Amino acid sequence: MTPLISKAATTAEPLHPLLAERWSPRALDPRHDLAVEQLTAVLEAARWAPSASNTQPWRFAVALRGRAEFAAVLDALRPGNQAWAHGASALIVAAAETVGPDGTSRPWAVYDTGQAVAHLSVQAQHEGLAVHQMGGFDRDGVAALLAAPGVVTPLVVLAVGRRDDAVQLAEPFASRETAARDRLPLDQLLLPLGASPTAPAA
């Protein structure tokens, strides 16, 4: 078997390997079944993410390959994602409860859910799994599949599985799989802080 390529990030300072080596592959092994322990571990990592006032607004719906739920979620993906996501061991819908049980708005629910998904992805890396987050899907269609329609808002679908050789992918995905990773330089991400020029004088 051809060794899988490494795409560790090139960073200004050393990062923990779980962070530096995490990326979003599309080539996933269709023969791999997700162990219960692995699934529990990644969901536990999400469960223990921080949230505003500990509201924990994230909700997850898990569809394992081979089951009707998996086919339904896969069918709701855009064609470009369907082309490769069928190889995932699981498709996980990440959703946010943007209104609390008492009717109070949760303005940070989407941000908090993103943190939970980030925790999940790092734990998945530790488990030897890959996660590819997808925003290209029919939101109304996925919302209709959830057991709490109207209560939660689906944000992303996660393809979770074990990496496979990029040779299984069609173009343009095969080329993207082997392309170098890049990020904006750090100095482009930092904003200056200072008094607003229009602020009234004290």
N, C-alpha and C. Protein backbone atom coordinates (compact mmCIF):
# COMPACT_ATOMS: atom_id res chain seq x y z
N MET A 1 0.84 -1.20 0.00
CA MET A 1 0.00 0.00 0.00
C MET A 1 0.88 1.25 0.00
N THR A 2 0.54 2.22 -0.84
CA THR A 2 1.31 3.46 -0.91
C THR A 2 1.14 4.26 0.37
N PRO A 3 2.24 4.71 0.97
CA PRO A 3 2.11 5.52 2.19
C PRO A 3 1.29 6.78 1.92
N LEU A 4 0.47 7.15 2.88
CA LEU A 4 -0.33 8.36 2.74
C LEU A 4 0.56 9.58 2.88
N ILE A 5 0.27 10.61 2.11
CA ILE A 5 1.09 11.81 2.15
C ILE A 5 0.91 12.54 3.47
N SER A 6 1.97 13.22 3.88
CA SER A 6 1.91 14.07 5.06
C SER A 6 1.72 15.51 4.62
N LYS A 7 0.83 16.22 5.29
CA LYS A 7 0.59 17.62 4.95
C LYS A 7 0.66 18.48 6.21
N ALA A 8 1.67 18.22 7.02
CA ALA A 8 1.83 18.98 8.26
C ALA A 8 2.04 20.46 7.93
N ALA A 9 1.43 21.30 8.74
CA ALA A 9 1.52 22.75 8.52
C ALA A 9 2.93 23.25 8.79
N THR A 10 3.36 24.23 8.00
CA THR A 10 4.60 24.95 8.25
C THR A 10 4.25 26.18 9.08
N THR A 11 4.76 26.24 10.30
CA THR A 11 4.33 27.27 11.24
C THR A 11 5.49 28.12 11.74
N ALA A 12 5.17 29.33 12.19
CA ALA A 12 6.20 30.24 12.70
C ALA A 12 6.81 29.72 13.99
N GLU A 13 6.03 29.03 14.78
CA GLU A 13 6.49 28.39 16.01
C GLU A 13 5.92 26.98 16.04
N PRO A 14 6.61 26.04 16.70
CA PRO A 14 6.12 24.66 16.72
C PRO A 14 4.73 24.56 17.36
N LEU A 15 3.87 23.76 16.73
CA LEU A 15 2.54 23.48 17.27
C LEU A 15 2.48 22.03 17.72
N HIS A 16 1.49 21.73 18.53
CA HIS A 16 1.26 20.33 18.89
C HIS A 16 0.97 19.56 17.60
N PRO A 17 1.55 18.36 17.44
CA PRO A 17 1.35 17.60 16.21
C PRO A 17 -0.12 17.38 15.84
N LEU A 18 -0.99 17.23 16.84
CA LEU A 18 -2.41 17.04 16.53
C LEU A 18 -2.98 18.23 15.77
N LEU A 19 -2.47 19.42 16.06
CA LEU A 19 -2.93 20.62 15.36
C LEU A 19 -2.21 20.79 14.03
N ALA A 20 -0.90 20.61 14.04
CA ALA A 20 -0.11 20.83 12.83
C ALA A 20 -0.45 19.83 11.73
N GLU A 21 -0.81 18.61 12.11
CA GLU A 21 -1.04 17.56 11.12
C GLU A 21 -2.50 17.41 10.72
N ARG A 22 -3.38 18.16 11.36
CA ARG A 22 -4.80 18.06 11.02
C ARG A 22 -5.08 18.79 9.71
N TRP A 23 -5.75 18.13 8.80
CA TRP A 23 -6.23 18.77 7.59
C TRP A 23 -7.52 18.08 7.15
N SER A 24 -8.04 18.44 6.01
CA SER A 24 -9.38 17.99 5.61
C SER A 24 -9.34 17.16 4.33
N PRO A 25 -8.97 15.90 4.43
CA PRO A 25 -8.90 15.05 3.24
C PRO A 25 -10.29 14.67 2.72
N ARG A 26 -10.33 14.31 1.46
CA ARG A 26 -11.55 13.79 0.86
C ARG A 26 -11.46 12.29 0.59
N ALA A 27 -10.25 11.77 0.48
CA ALA A 27 -10.07 10.34 0.22
C ALA A 27 -10.25 9.58 1.52
N LEU A 28 -11.38 8.92 1.67
CA LEU A 28 -11.71 8.18 2.88
C LEU A 28 -11.96 6.72 2.55
N ASP A 29 -11.53 5.84 3.43
CA ASP A 29 -11.56 4.40 3.20
C ASP A 29 -12.98 3.86 3.34
N PRO A 30 -13.60 3.41 2.25
CA PRO A 30 -14.98 2.91 2.33
C PRO A 30 -15.10 1.57 3.04
N ARG A 31 -13.96 0.95 3.37
CA ARG A 31 -14.00 -0.34 4.09
C ARG A 31 -13.90 -0.15 5.59
N HIS A 32 -13.64 1.07 6.02
CA HIS A 32 -13.43 1.32 7.45
C HIS A 32 -14.75 1.56 8.16
N ASP A 33 -14.95 0.84 9.26
CA ASP A 33 -16.11 1.05 10.11
C ASP A 33 -15.67 1.78 11.37
N LEU A 34 -16.41 2.78 11.75
CA LEU A 34 -16.09 3.57 12.93
C LEU A 34 -16.39 2.77 14.19
N ALA A 35 -15.38 2.60 15.04
CA ALA A 35 -15.59 1.89 16.31
C ALA A 35 -16.43 2.74 17.24
N VAL A 36 -17.23 2.06 18.05
CA VAL A 36 -18.07 2.77 19.02
C VAL A 36 -17.22 3.65 19.92
N GLU A 37 -16.06 3.14 20.32
CA GLU A 37 -15.18 3.89 21.21
C GLU A 37 -14.67 5.16 20.54
N GLN A 38 -14.34 5.07 19.25
CA GLN A 38 -13.88 6.26 18.52
C GLN A 38 -14.99 7.30 18.41
N LEU A 39 -16.17 6.84 18.05
CA LEU A 39 -17.30 7.77 17.91
C LEU A 39 -17.60 8.45 19.24
N THR A 40 -17.60 7.66 20.30
CA THR A 40 -17.87 8.23 21.63
C THR A 40 -16.81 9.25 22.00
N ALA A 41 -15.55 8.94 21.70
CA ALA A 41 -14.45 9.85 22.06
C ALA A 41 -14.58 11.20 21.36
N VAL A 42 -14.88 11.20 20.07
CA VAL A 42 -14.95 12.48 19.36
C VAL A 42 -16.16 13.30 19.82
N LEU A 43 -17.26 12.62 20.13
CA LEU A 43 -18.43 13.34 20.62
C LEU A 43 -18.21 13.85 22.05
N GLU A 44 -17.47 13.09 22.84
CA GLU A 44 -17.13 13.56 24.19
C GLU A 44 -16.26 14.81 24.13
N ALA A 45 -15.33 14.83 23.17
CA ALA A 45 -14.48 16.02 23.01
C ALA A 45 -15.34 17.24 22.70
N ALA A 46 -16.33 17.05 21.85
CA ALA A 46 -17.24 18.16 21.53
C ALA A 46 -18.07 18.55 22.75
N ARG A 47 -18.49 17.57 23.51
CA ARG A 47 -19.34 17.83 24.67
C ARG A 47 -18.65 18.72 25.69
N TRP A 48 -17.33 18.60 25.80
CA TRP A 48 -16.58 19.34 26.81
C TRP A 48 -15.98 20.64 26.28
N ALA A 49 -16.44 21.10 25.14
CA ALA A 49 -16.00 22.40 24.63
C ALA A 49 -16.60 23.52 25.48
N PRO A 50 -15.95 24.68 25.50
CA PRO A 50 -16.51 25.83 26.23
C PRO A 50 -17.69 26.43 25.49
N SER A 51 -18.57 27.09 26.24
CA SER A 51 -19.70 27.78 25.62
C SER A 51 -20.13 28.94 26.50
N ALA A 52 -20.80 29.91 25.92
CA ALA A 52 -21.27 31.08 26.65
C ALA A 52 -22.25 30.66 27.74
N SER A 53 -21.93 31.02 28.97
CA SER A 53 -22.77 30.69 30.14
C SER A 53 -23.04 29.19 30.24
N ASN A 54 -22.15 28.40 29.66
CA ASN A 54 -22.28 26.94 29.69
C ASN A 54 -23.63 26.47 29.12
N THR A 55 -24.12 27.17 28.10
CA THR A 55 -25.40 26.80 27.51
C THR A 55 -25.32 25.55 26.64
N GLN A 56 -24.13 25.23 26.13
CA GLN A 56 -23.91 24.00 25.36
C GLN A 56 -24.95 23.85 24.24
N PRO A 57 -24.96 24.79 23.28
CA PRO A 57 -26.02 24.80 22.28
C PRO A 57 -25.83 23.82 21.13
N TRP A 58 -24.72 23.13 21.10
CA TRP A 58 -24.45 22.22 19.98
C TRP A 58 -25.31 20.96 20.08
N ARG A 59 -25.68 20.46 18.92
CA ARG A 59 -26.40 19.19 18.81
C ARG A 59 -25.80 18.44 17.64
N PHE A 60 -25.72 17.12 17.75
CA PHE A 60 -25.13 16.30 16.70
C PHE A 60 -26.07 15.16 16.33
N ALA A 61 -26.15 14.88 15.05
CA ALA A 61 -26.91 13.72 14.55
C ALA A 61 -25.93 12.86 13.77
N VAL A 62 -25.81 11.60 14.16
CA VAL A 62 -24.80 10.69 13.59
C VAL A 62 -25.47 9.71 12.63
N ALA A 63 -24.93 9.62 11.42
CA ALA A 63 -25.40 8.66 10.43
C ALA A 63 -24.23 7.78 10.02
N LEU A 64 -24.31 6.50 10.34
CA LEU A 64 -23.24 5.56 10.02
C LEU A 64 -23.45 4.97 8.63
N ARG A 65 -22.34 4.80 7.90
CA ARG A 65 -22.42 4.25 6.55
C ARG A 65 -23.11 2.89 6.56
N GLY A 66 -23.93 2.66 5.57
CA GLY A 66 -24.66 1.40 5.48
C GLY A 66 -26.08 1.48 6.02
N ARG A 67 -26.40 2.59 6.67
CA ARG A 67 -27.74 2.76 7.22
C ARG A 67 -28.53 3.78 6.40
N ALA A 68 -29.85 3.72 6.55
CA ALA A 68 -30.72 4.60 5.77
C ALA A 68 -30.44 6.07 6.05
N GLU A 69 -30.10 6.38 7.30
CA GLU A 69 -29.83 7.78 7.67
C GLU A 69 -28.63 8.32 6.90
N PHE A 70 -27.62 7.48 6.70
CA PHE A 70 -26.43 7.89 5.97
C PHE A 70 -26.80 8.25 4.54
N ALA A 71 -27.58 7.39 3.91
CA ALA A 71 -28.00 7.64 2.53
C ALA A 71 -28.80 8.92 2.42
N ALA A 72 -29.63 9.19 3.42
CA ALA A 72 -30.46 10.39 3.41
C ALA A 72 -29.61 11.66 3.53
N VAL A 73 -28.63 11.63 4.44
CA VAL A 73 -27.75 12.80 4.59
C VAL A 73 -26.88 12.96 3.35
N LEU A 74 -26.35 11.86 2.84
CA LEU A 74 -25.53 11.91 1.63
C LEU A 74 -26.31 12.52 0.48
N ASP A 75 -27.57 12.15 0.36
CA ASP A 75 -28.41 12.66 -0.72
C ASP A 75 -28.65 14.16 -0.60
N ALA A 76 -28.55 14.69 0.62
CA ALA A 76 -28.76 16.12 0.84
C ALA A 76 -27.52 16.95 0.56
N LEU A 77 -26.37 16.30 0.35
CA LEU A 77 -25.14 17.03 0.05
C LEU A 77 -25.17 17.53 -1.39
N ARG A 78 -24.42 18.58 -1.65
CA ARG A 78 -24.27 19.03 -3.03
C ARG A 78 -23.49 17.98 -3.82
N PRO A 79 -23.72 17.91 -5.14
CA PRO A 79 -23.08 16.86 -5.94
C PRO A 79 -21.56 16.78 -5.77
N GLY A 80 -20.91 17.94 -5.65
CA GLY A 80 -19.46 17.92 -5.48
C GLY A 80 -19.01 17.23 -4.22
N ASN A 81 -19.82 17.28 -3.18
CA ASN A 81 -19.50 16.58 -1.94
C ASN A 81 -19.94 15.12 -1.99
N GLN A 82 -21.05 14.85 -2.65
CA GLN A 82 -21.50 13.47 -2.81
C GLN A 82 -20.46 12.62 -3.53
N ALA A 83 -19.69 13.27 -4.43
CA ALA A 83 -18.74 12.55 -5.26
C ALA A 83 -17.68 11.82 -4.46
N TRP A 84 -17.41 12.27 -3.23
CA TRP A 84 -16.37 11.62 -2.43
C TRP A 84 -16.84 11.24 -1.03
N ALA A 85 -17.85 11.91 -0.49
CA ALA A 85 -18.25 11.70 0.91
C ALA A 85 -18.88 10.34 1.15
N HIS A 86 -19.24 9.63 0.09
CA HIS A 86 -19.81 8.29 0.26
C HIS A 86 -18.83 7.33 0.91
N GLY A 87 -17.53 7.66 0.88
CA GLY A 87 -16.53 6.79 1.49
C GLY A 87 -16.37 7.00 2.98
N ALA A 88 -17.04 7.99 3.54
CA ALA A 88 -16.92 8.26 4.97
C ALA A 88 -17.51 7.13 5.80
N SER A 89 -16.94 6.91 6.96
CA SER A 89 -17.49 5.93 7.89
C SER A 89 -18.76 6.46 8.54
N ALA A 90 -18.83 7.77 8.70
CA ALA A 90 -20.02 8.41 9.28
C ALA A 90 -20.16 9.81 8.72
N LEU A 91 -21.39 10.24 8.61
CA LEU A 91 -21.70 11.63 8.33
C LEU A 91 -22.38 12.18 9.57
N ILE A 92 -21.82 13.25 10.12
CA ILE A 92 -22.34 13.82 11.36
C ILE A 92 -22.84 15.23 11.08
N VAL A 93 -24.10 15.46 11.38
CA VAL A 93 -24.67 16.79 11.24
C VAL A 93 -24.41 17.56 12.53
N ALA A 94 -23.77 18.72 12.41
CA ALA A 94 -23.56 19.60 13.56
C ALA A 94 -24.57 20.74 13.46
N ALA A 95 -25.36 20.90 14.50
CA ALA A 95 -26.42 21.91 14.50
C ALA A 95 -26.33 22.74 15.77
N ALA A 96 -26.98 23.90 15.74
CA ALA A 96 -26.96 24.80 16.89
C ALA A 96 -28.38 25.11 17.34
N GLU A 97 -28.56 25.09 18.65
CA GLU A 97 -29.82 25.51 19.25
C GLU A 97 -29.70 27.00 19.53
N THR A 98 -30.21 27.82 18.63
CA THR A 98 -30.01 29.26 18.71
C THR A 98 -31.00 29.97 19.62
N VAL A 99 -32.01 29.26 20.08
CA VAL A 99 -32.97 29.79 21.05
C VAL A 99 -33.09 28.79 22.18
N GLY A 100 -32.94 29.26 23.41
CA GLY A 100 -32.99 28.37 24.57
C GLY A 100 -34.39 27.87 24.86
N PRO A 101 -34.50 26.89 25.74
CA PRO A 101 -35.81 26.33 26.10
C PRO A 101 -36.79 27.37 26.64
N ASP A 102 -36.24 28.45 27.21
CA ASP A 102 -37.11 29.50 27.77
C ASP A 102 -37.43 30.59 26.75
N GLY A 103 -37.00 30.38 25.50
CA GLY A 103 -37.26 31.36 24.46
C GLY A 103 -36.22 32.45 24.33
N THR A 104 -35.19 32.39 25.15
CA THR A 104 -34.13 33.39 25.11
C THR A 104 -33.20 33.15 23.93
N SER A 105 -32.87 34.22 23.21
CA SER A 105 -31.95 34.10 22.08
C SER A 105 -30.55 33.75 22.56
N ARG A 106 -29.86 32.93 21.78
CA ARG A 106 -28.48 32.55 22.08
C ARG A 106 -27.58 33.08 20.97
N PRO A 107 -27.15 34.33 21.07
CA PRO A 107 -26.39 34.95 19.97
C PRO A 107 -25.04 34.31 19.71
N TRP A 108 -24.51 33.57 20.68
CA TRP A 108 -23.19 32.95 20.50
C TRP A 108 -23.29 31.46 20.16
N ALA A 109 -24.47 30.97 19.89
CA ALA A 109 -24.66 29.53 19.69
C ALA A 109 -23.86 29.00 18.51
N VAL A 110 -23.83 29.75 17.42
CA VAL A 110 -23.10 29.29 16.24
C VAL A 110 -21.60 29.26 16.52
N TYR A 111 -21.10 30.31 17.17
CA TYR A 111 -19.68 30.35 17.55
C TYR A 111 -19.35 29.17 18.46
N ASP A 112 -20.19 28.94 19.46
CA ASP A 112 -19.94 27.86 20.41
C ASP A 112 -19.95 26.50 19.71
N THR A 113 -20.86 26.32 18.78
CA THR A 113 -20.92 25.05 18.06
C THR A 113 -19.67 24.85 17.22
N GLY A 114 -19.15 25.95 16.65
CA GLY A 114 -17.89 25.85 15.93
C GLY A 114 -16.76 25.40 16.82
N GLN A 115 -16.74 25.89 18.06
CA GLN A 115 -15.71 25.44 19.01
C GLN A 115 -15.85 23.94 19.29
N ALA A 116 -17.08 23.49 19.45
CA ALA A 116 -17.31 22.07 19.72
C ALA A 116 -16.82 21.21 18.56
N VAL A 117 -17.08 21.67 17.34
CA VAL A 117 -16.62 20.92 16.16
C VAL A 117 -15.10 20.93 16.09
N ALA A 118 -14.47 22.04 16.45
CA ALA A 118 -13.00 22.09 16.46
C ALA A 118 -12.45 21.07 17.46
N HIS A 119 -13.05 21.00 18.64
CA HIS A 119 -12.62 20.00 19.62
C HIS A 119 -12.79 18.59 19.05
N LEU A 120 -13.91 18.36 18.41
CA LEU A 120 -14.17 17.05 17.81
C LEU A 120 -13.09 16.70 16.79
N SER A 121 -12.71 17.67 15.96
CA SER A 121 -11.75 17.39 14.89
C SER A 121 -10.36 17.07 15.44
N VAL A 122 -9.98 17.72 16.52
CA VAL A 122 -8.67 17.44 17.12
C VAL A 122 -8.67 16.06 17.78
N GLN A 123 -9.75 15.71 18.46
CA GLN A 123 -9.83 14.37 19.05
C GLN A 123 -9.84 13.31 17.95
N ALA A 124 -10.51 13.59 16.85
CA ALA A 124 -10.51 12.65 15.73
C ALA A 124 -9.09 12.42 15.21
N GLN A 125 -8.30 13.49 15.13
CA GLN A 125 -6.91 13.35 14.72
C GLN A 125 -6.17 12.43 15.67
N HIS A 126 -6.42 12.58 16.95
CA HIS A 126 -5.80 11.71 17.96
C HIS A 126 -6.22 10.26 17.77
N GLU A 127 -7.45 10.05 17.32
CA GLU A 127 -7.98 8.69 17.13
C GLU A 127 -7.53 8.07 15.81
N GLY A 128 -6.75 8.81 15.03
CA GLY A 128 -6.33 8.30 13.72
C GLY A 128 -7.40 8.46 12.66
N LEU A 129 -8.32 9.37 12.89
CA LEU A 129 -9.42 9.61 11.96
C LEU A 129 -9.24 10.95 11.26
N ALA A 130 -9.94 11.11 10.17
CA ALA A 130 -9.96 12.37 9.43
C ALA A 130 -11.37 12.95 9.48
N VAL A 131 -11.44 14.26 9.47
CA VAL A 131 -12.73 14.97 9.45
C VAL A 131 -12.69 16.00 8.33
N HIS A 132 -13.71 15.98 7.49
CA HIS A 132 -13.86 17.02 6.47
C HIS A 132 -15.20 17.69 6.69
N GLN A 133 -15.16 18.99 6.96
CA GLN A 133 -16.37 19.74 7.26
C GLN A 133 -16.95 20.32 5.97
N MET A 134 -18.26 20.16 5.80
CA MET A 134 -18.92 20.57 4.55
C MET A 134 -20.05 21.55 4.82
N GLY A 135 -20.01 22.66 4.11
CA GLY A 135 -21.11 23.61 4.17
C GLY A 135 -22.04 23.47 2.98
N GLY A 136 -21.64 22.67 2.00
CA GLY A 136 -22.43 22.50 0.79
C GLY A 136 -23.46 21.39 0.94
N PHE A 137 -24.63 21.76 1.43
CA PHE A 137 -25.73 20.78 1.56
C PHE A 137 -27.06 21.52 1.61
N ASP A 138 -28.12 20.78 1.41
CA ASP A 138 -29.48 21.32 1.45
C ASP A 138 -29.88 21.47 2.91
N ARG A 139 -29.85 22.69 3.41
CA ARG A 139 -30.12 22.90 4.83
C ARG A 139 -31.56 22.55 5.21
N ASP A 140 -32.49 22.90 4.37
CA ASP A 140 -33.88 22.55 4.67
C ASP A 140 -34.06 21.03 4.66
N GLY A 141 -33.40 20.38 3.71
CA GLY A 141 -33.50 18.93 3.63
C GLY A 141 -32.91 18.25 4.85
N VAL A 142 -31.76 18.72 5.29
CA VAL A 142 -31.14 18.13 6.48
C VAL A 142 -31.94 18.48 7.73
N ALA A 143 -32.43 19.70 7.81
CA ALA A 143 -33.24 20.10 8.97
C ALA A 143 -34.45 19.19 9.10
N ALA A 144 -35.03 18.79 7.98
CA ALA A 144 -36.20 17.92 8.01
C ALA A 144 -35.87 16.52 8.52
N LEU A 145 -34.60 16.13 8.41
CA LEU A 145 -34.18 14.81 8.88
C LEU A 145 -33.97 14.77 10.39
N LEU A 146 -33.75 15.94 10.99
CA LEU A 146 -33.45 15.99 12.42
C LEU A 146 -34.71 15.74 13.24
N ALA A 147 -34.48 15.19 14.43
CA ALA A 147 -35.61 14.86 15.31
C ALA A 147 -36.19 16.10 15.97
N ALA A 148 -35.55 17.25 15.79
CA ALA A 148 -36.02 18.48 16.42
C ALA A 148 -36.13 19.58 15.38
N PRO A 149 -36.95 19.40 14.33
CA PRO A 149 -37.05 20.43 13.29
C PRO A 149 -37.57 21.74 13.85
N GLY A 150 -36.94 22.83 13.40
CA GLY A 150 -37.36 24.14 13.86
C GLY A 150 -36.72 24.57 15.17
N VAL A 151 -36.17 23.62 15.91
CA VAL A 151 -35.55 23.92 17.20
C VAL A 151 -34.06 24.17 17.03
N VAL A 152 -33.43 23.43 16.13
CA VAL A 152 -32.00 23.56 15.90
C VAL A 152 -31.75 23.92 14.43
N THR A 153 -30.62 24.56 14.19
CA THR A 153 -30.23 24.96 12.84
C THR A 153 -29.01 24.18 12.41
N PRO A 154 -29.10 23.36 11.35
CA PRO A 154 -27.91 22.64 10.88
C PRO A 154 -26.89 23.60 10.30
N LEU A 155 -25.64 23.43 10.70
CA LEU A 155 -24.57 24.33 10.27
C LEU A 155 -23.61 23.68 9.29
N VAL A 156 -23.15 22.48 9.62
CA VAL A 156 -22.22 21.76 8.76
C VAL A 156 -22.51 20.27 8.84
N VAL A 157 -22.04 19.55 7.82
CA VAL A 157 -22.03 18.09 7.86
C VAL A 157 -20.57 17.66 7.87
N LEU A 158 -20.22 16.78 8.79
CA LEU A 158 -18.85 16.30 8.92
C LEU A 158 -18.73 14.91 8.32
N ALA A 159 -17.80 14.74 7.40
CA ALA A 159 -17.45 13.41 6.91
C ALA A 159 -16.31 12.90 7.77
N VAL A 160 -16.54 11.79 8.45
CA VAL A 160 -15.56 11.25 9.39
C VAL A 160 -15.17 9.85 8.94
N GLY A 161 -13.89 9.57 8.92
CA GLY A 161 -13.44 8.24 8.53
C GLY A 161 -11.94 8.11 8.59
N ARG A 162 -11.44 7.07 7.99
CA ARG A 162 -10.00 6.82 7.94
C ARG A 162 -9.49 7.22 6.56
N ARG A 163 -8.37 7.89 6.53
CA ARG A 163 -7.80 8.34 5.26
C ARG A 163 -7.49 7.18 4.33
N ASP A 164 -7.58 7.47 3.04
CA ASP A 164 -7.25 6.50 2.01
C ASP A 164 -6.39 7.19 0.96
N ASP A 165 -5.91 6.41 -0.01
CA ASP A 165 -5.05 6.96 -1.05
C ASP A 165 -5.84 7.88 -1.97
N ALA A 166 -5.22 8.99 -2.34
CA ALA A 166 -5.87 9.98 -3.21
C ALA A 166 -6.16 9.43 -4.59
N VAL A 167 -5.55 8.30 -4.96
CA VAL A 167 -5.74 7.75 -6.30
C VAL A 167 -7.19 7.37 -6.55
N GLN A 168 -7.95 7.15 -5.48
CA GLN A 168 -9.35 6.77 -5.65
C GLN A 168 -10.23 7.93 -6.07
N LEU A 169 -9.72 9.16 -5.93
CA LEU A 169 -10.53 10.34 -6.22
C LEU A 169 -10.46 10.73 -7.69
N ALA A 170 -11.58 11.24 -8.19
CA ALA A 170 -11.60 11.81 -9.53
C ALA A 170 -11.13 13.27 -9.45
N GLU A 171 -10.81 13.83 -10.58
CA GLU A 171 -10.45 15.25 -10.62
C GLU A 171 -11.71 16.10 -10.52
N PRO A 172 -11.63 17.27 -9.92
CA PRO A 172 -10.41 17.96 -9.47
C PRO A 172 -9.97 17.59 -8.07
N PHE A 173 -10.67 16.62 -7.45
CA PHE A 173 -10.41 16.33 -6.04
C PHE A 173 -9.06 15.67 -5.81
N ALA A 174 -8.61 14.85 -6.76
CA ALA A 174 -7.32 14.18 -6.59
C ALA A 174 -6.18 15.20 -6.51
N SER A 175 -6.22 16.21 -7.36
CA SER A 175 -5.18 17.24 -7.33
C SER A 175 -5.24 18.06 -6.05
N ARG A 176 -6.45 18.35 -5.59
CA ARG A 176 -6.59 19.11 -4.35
C ARG A 176 -6.06 18.32 -3.16
N GLU A 177 -6.20 17.00 -3.23
CA GLU A 177 -5.77 16.16 -2.12
C GLU A 177 -4.26 16.22 -1.91
N THR A 178 -3.53 16.37 -2.98
CA THR A 178 -2.07 16.36 -2.90
C THR A 178 -1.46 17.77 -2.94
N ALA A 179 -2.28 18.79 -3.14
CA ALA A 179 -1.76 20.16 -3.20
C ALA A 179 -1.26 20.61 -1.83
N ALA A 180 -0.29 21.49 -1.84
CA ALA A 180 0.26 22.01 -0.58
C ALA A 180 -0.80 22.84 0.14
N ARG A 181 -0.77 22.78 1.45
CA ARG A 181 -1.66 23.60 2.27
C ARG A 181 -1.09 25.00 2.39
N ASP A 182 -1.96 25.98 2.55
CA ASP A 182 -1.46 27.33 2.77
C ASP A 182 -2.43 28.10 3.65
N ARG A 183 -1.93 29.12 4.29
CA ARG A 183 -2.71 30.01 5.13
C ARG A 183 -2.18 31.44 4.94
N LEU A 184 -3.02 32.41 5.22
CA LEU A 184 -2.55 33.79 5.22
C LEU A 184 -1.45 33.94 6.27
N PRO A 185 -0.46 34.81 6.00
CA PRO A 185 0.56 35.05 7.02
C PRO A 185 -0.07 35.68 8.25
N LEU A 186 0.55 35.42 9.40
CA LEU A 186 -0.01 35.85 10.67
C LEU A 186 -0.22 37.36 10.73
N ASP A 187 0.70 38.13 10.13
CA ASP A 187 0.57 39.58 10.24
C ASP A 187 -0.66 40.12 9.50
N GLN A 188 -1.22 39.33 8.59
CA GLN A 188 -2.44 39.75 7.90
C GLN A 188 -3.69 39.45 8.73
N LEU A 189 -3.53 38.72 9.79
CA LEU A 189 -4.67 38.34 10.63
C LEU A 189 -4.79 39.19 11.88
N LEU A 190 -3.77 40.00 12.13
CA LEU A 190 -3.75 40.81 13.35
C LEU A 190 -4.25 42.21 13.06
N LEU A 191 -5.20 42.67 13.85
CA LEU A 191 -5.76 44.01 13.69
C LEU A 191 -5.21 44.94 14.77
N PRO A 192 -4.93 46.18 14.41
CA PRO A 192 -4.45 47.13 15.42
C PRO A 192 -5.59 47.57 16.32
N LEU A 193 -5.25 47.88 17.55
CA LEU A 193 -6.22 48.42 18.50
C LEU A 193 -5.87 49.87 18.78
N GLY A 194 -6.89 50.71 18.87
CA GLY A 194 -6.64 52.11 19.15
C GLY A 194 -7.95 52.86 19.26
N ALA A 195 -7.88 54.09 19.70
CA ALA A 195 -9.08 54.91 19.83
C ALA A 195 -9.65 55.21 18.45
N SER A 196 -10.96 55.19 18.34
CA SER A 196 -11.61 55.52 17.09
C SER A 196 -11.37 56.99 16.76
N PRO A 197 -11.05 57.30 15.49
CA PRO A 197 -10.81 58.72 15.14
C PRO A 197 -12.06 59.57 15.28
N THR A 198 -13.23 58.93 15.31
CA THR A 198 -14.47 59.70 15.44
C THR A 198 -14.99 59.72 16.87
N ALA A 199 -14.24 59.11 17.78
CA ALA A 199 -14.70 59.07 19.17
C ALA A 199 -14.65 60.47 19.77
N PRO A 200 -15.67 60.85 20.53
CA PRO A 200 -15.66 62.19 21.15
C PRO A 200 -14.56 62.30 22.19
N ALA A 201 -14.02 63.48 22.31
CA ALA A 201 -12.97 63.72 23.30
C ALA A 201 -13.55 63.62 24.70
N ALA A 202 -12.73 63.14 25.63
CA ALA A 202 -13.19 63.01 27.01
C ALA A 202 -13.33 64.37 27.65
